[in-house]
């Protein structure tokens, strides 16, 4: 199922990362993250997310503001969230989305 984003509404995705062996929150100390919404992989850049890391909870939040989503055209898009720790950076999440004008535009 595709995520629906309504234009002019804030869109947030929160990832909860866990240590596989202990099920404790992942240690994200000294890490950062970034994310970009694009029309297609390596396609038109629609906007950068503000990314926040909670080192206690082991979460990464990616946020696009209502002002950003208001500027987007309708249609399919997607984003990756990248984790950067020291010299290593890797994509940890990818999602396909559909931007709509209003919820009445949704196809069933």
C-alpha atoms as a PDB file:
ATOM      1  CA  UNK A   1       0.000   0.000   0.000  1.00  0.00           C
ATOM      2  CA  UNK A   2       1.325   3.405  -0.998  1.00  0.00           C
ATOM      3  CA  UNK A   3       1.585   6.257   1.487  1.00  0.00           C
ATOM      4  CA  UNK A   4      -0.700   9.189   0.641  1.00  0.00           C
ATOM      5  CA  UNK A   5       0.541  12.755   1.137  1.00  0.00           C
ATOM      6  CA  UNK A   6      -1.974  15.571   0.839  1.00  0.00           C
ATOM      7  CA  UNK A   7      -0.563  18.807  -0.519  1.00  0.00           C
ATOM      8  CA  UNK A   8      -0.159  21.572   2.098  1.00  0.00           C
ATOM      9  CA  UNK A   9      -0.076  19.097   5.001  1.00  0.00           C
ATOM     10  CA  UNK A  10       2.976  18.204   7.066  1.00  0.00           C
ATOM     11  CA  UNK A  11       4.384  14.751   6.321  1.00  0.00           C
ATOM     12  CA  UNK A  12       6.539  12.897   8.841  1.00  0.00           C
ATOM     13  CA  UNK A  13       8.089   9.450   8.842  1.00  0.00           C
ATOM     14  CA  UNK A  14       9.628   8.072  12.065  1.00  0.00           C
ATOM     15  CA  UNK A  15      11.941   5.066  12.020  1.00  0.00           C
ATOM     16  CA  UNK A  16      12.644   3.123  15.189  1.00  0.00           C
ATOM     17  CA  UNK A  17      15.998   1.346  14.970  1.00  0.00           C
ATOM     18  CA  UNK A  18      16.795  -1.574  17.288  1.00  0.00           C
ATOM     19  CA  UNK A  19      19.877  -3.595  18.146  1.00  0.00           C
ATOM     20  CA  UNK A  20      19.181  -7.025  16.607  1.00  0.00           C
ATOM     21  CA  UNK A  21      20.827  -8.943  19.434  1.00  0.00           C
ATOM     22  CA  UNK A  22      19.357  -7.100  22.435  1.00  0.00           C
ATOM     23  CA  UNK A  23      16.197  -5.465  21.011  1.00  0.00           C
ATOM     24  CA  UNK A  24      17.381  -2.256  22.727  1.00  0.00           C
ATOM     25  CA  UNK A  25      17.249   1.062  20.841  1.00  0.00           C
ATOM     26  CA  UNK A  26      20.117   1.344  18.333  1.00  0.00           C
ATOM     27  CA  UNK A  27      23.087   3.456  19.413  1.00  0.00           C
ATOM     28  CA  UNK A  28      22.859   6.493  17.110  1.00  0.00           C
ATOM     29  CA  UNK A  29      25.347   8.594  19.086  1.00  0.00           C
ATOM     30  CA  UNK A  30      27.482  10.662  16.698  1.00  0.00           C
ATOM     31  CA  UNK A  31      25.263   9.757  13.739  1.00  0.00           C
ATOM     32  CA  UNK A  32      23.232  12.019  11.494  1.00  0.00           C
ATOM     33  CA  UNK A  33      20.589  11.404   8.846  1.00  0.00           C
ATOM     34  CA  UNK A  34      19.262  12.966   5.677  1.00  0.00           C
ATOM     35  CA  UNK A  35      16.362  12.404   3.325  1.00  0.00           C
ATOM     36  CA  UNK A  36      15.135  13.790   0.018  1.00  0.00           C
ATOM     37  CA  UNK A  37      11.784  13.432  -1.701  1.00  0.00           C
ATOM     38  CA  UNK A  38      12.169  12.783  -5.452  1.00  0.00           C
ATOM     39  CA  UNK A  39       9.851  12.208  -8.420  1.00  0.00           C
ATOM     40  CA  UNK A  40      11.807   9.041  -9.276  1.00  0.00           C
ATOM     41  CA  UNK A  41      15.090   7.456  -8.165  1.00  0.00           C
ATOM     42  CA  UNK A  42      17.788  10.044  -9.000  1.00  0.00           C
ATOM     43  CA  UNK A  43      14.987  12.158 -10.544  1.00  0.00           C
ATOM     44  CA  UNK A  44      13.664  15.651  -9.878  1.00  0.00           C
ATOM     45  CA  UNK A  45      14.336  16.790  -6.305  1.00  0.00           C
ATOM     46  CA  UNK A  46      11.107  17.868  -4.628  1.00  0.00           C
ATOM     47  CA  UNK A  47      12.573  18.769  -1.240  1.00  0.00           C
ATOM     48  CA  UNK A  48      14.910  17.900   1.597  1.00  0.00           C
ATOM     49  CA  UNK A  49      13.471  16.697   4.882  1.00  0.00           C
ATOM     50  CA  UNK A  50      14.493  18.023   8.259  1.00  0.00           C
ATOM     51  CA  UNK A  51      15.920  14.945   9.981  1.00  0.00           C
ATOM     52  CA  UNK A  52      16.115  14.545  13.738  1.00  0.00           C
ATOM     53  CA  UNK A  53      17.762  11.761  15.719  1.00  0.00           C
ATOM     54  CA  UNK A  54      16.689  10.782  19.229  1.00  0.00           C
ATOM     55  CA  UNK A  55      19.703   8.876  20.596  1.00  0.00           C
ATOM     56  CA  UNK A  56      17.806   7.716  23.701  1.00  0.00           C
ATOM     57  CA  UNK A  57      14.881   6.194  21.753  1.00  0.00           C
ATOM     58  CA  UNK A  58      16.954   5.144  18.732  1.00  0.00           C
ATOM     59  CA  UNK A  59      14.656   6.937  16.301  1.00  0.00           C
ATOM     60  CA  UNK A  60      15.119   9.001  13.165  1.00  0.00           C
ATOM     61  CA  UNK A  61      12.371  11.449  12.165  1.00  0.00           C
ATOM     62  CA  UNK A  62      12.141  12.893   8.663  1.00  0.00           C
ATOM     63  CA  UNK A  63       9.822  15.905   8.327  1.00  0.00           C
ATOM     64  CA  UNK A  64       8.528  17.792   5.311  1.00  0.00           C
ATOM     65  CA  UNK A  65       6.607  20.951   6.167  1.00  0.00           C
ATOM     66  CA  UNK A  66       3.165  21.934   4.909  1.00  0.00           C
ATOM     67  CA  UNK A  67       4.861  24.752   2.978  1.00  0.00           C
ATOM     68  CA  UNK A  68       7.049  22.206   1.170  1.00  0.00           C
ATOM     69  CA  UNK A  69       4.242  19.801   0.305  1.00  0.00           C
ATOM     70  CA  UNK A  70       2.090  22.685  -0.970  1.00  0.00           C
ATOM     71  CA  UNK A  71       4.688  23.237  -3.722  1.00  0.00           C
ATOM     72  CA  UNK A  72       4.691  19.628  -4.914  1.00  0.00           C
ATOM     73  CA  UNK A  73       2.833  18.479  -7.992  1.00  0.00           C
ATOM     74  CA  UNK A  74       0.448  15.556  -7.713  1.00  0.00           C
ATOM     75  CA  UNK A  75       1.583  12.067  -8.610  1.00  0.00           C
ATOM     76  CA  UNK A  76       3.966   9.364  -7.510  1.00  0.00           C
ATOM     77  CA  UNK A  77       7.211  10.111  -5.699  1.00  0.00           C
ATOM     78  CA  UNK A  78       9.473   8.482  -3.154  1.00  0.00           C
ATOM     79  CA  UNK A  79      12.170   9.034  -0.598  1.00  0.00           C
ATOM     80  CA  UNK A  80      15.109   7.319   1.062  1.00  0.00           C
ATOM     81  CA  UNK A  81      16.410   7.934   4.553  1.00  0.00           C
ATOM     82  CA  UNK A  82      20.183   7.733   4.854  1.00  0.00           C
ATOM     83  CA  UNK A  83      22.105   7.138   8.068  1.00  0.00           C
ATOM     84  CA  UNK A  84      25.561   8.713   8.371  1.00  0.00           C
ATOM     85  CA  UNK A  85      27.926   7.429  11.071  1.00  0.00           C
ATOM     86  CA  UNK A  86      31.501   8.646  10.777  1.00  0.00           C
ATOM     87  CA  UNK A  87      32.738   8.078   7.219  1.00  0.00           C
ATOM     88  CA  UNK A  88      30.016   5.546   6.445  1.00  0.00           C
ATOM     89  CA  UNK A  89      26.652   6.460   4.949  1.00  0.00           C
ATOM     90  CA  UNK A  90      23.999   4.027   3.828  1.00  0.00           C
ATOM     91  CA  UNK A  91      20.342   4.057   2.833  1.00  0.00           C
ATOM     92  CA  UNK A  92      18.253   2.450   5.571  1.00  0.00           C
ATOM     93  CA  UNK A  93      14.702   3.080   4.350  1.00  0.00           C
ATOM     94  CA  UNK A  94      12.858   3.662   1.064  1.00  0.00           C
ATOM     95  CA  UNK A  95       9.194   4.451   0.564  1.00  0.00           C
ATOM     96  CA  UNK A  96       6.931   5.160  -2.422  1.00  0.00           C
ATOM     97  CA  UNK A  97       4.293   7.877  -1.934  1.00  0.00           C
ATOM     98  CA  UNK A  98       1.420   9.465  -3.830  1.00  0.00           C
ATOM     99  CA  UNK A  99       0.843  13.220  -3.614  1.00  0.00           C
ATOM    100  CA  UNK A 100      -2.820  14.271  -3.941  1.00  0.00           C
ATOM    101  CA  UNK A 101      -4.695  17.592  -3.942  1.00  0.00           C
ATOM    102  CA  UNK A 102      -7.424  16.370  -1.606  1.00  0.00           C
ATOM    103  CA  UNK A 103      -8.557  13.135  -0.023  1.00  0.00           C
ATOM    104  CA  UNK A 104     -11.526  13.018  -2.411  1.00  0.00           C
ATOM    105  CA  UNK A 105      -8.975  12.522  -5.227  1.00  0.00           C
ATOM    106  CA  UNK A 106      -7.885   9.135  -3.846  1.00  0.00           C
ATOM    107  CA  UNK A 107      -8.440   6.140  -6.084  1.00  0.00           C
ATOM    108  CA  UNK A 108      -9.909   3.082  -4.367  1.00  0.00           C
END
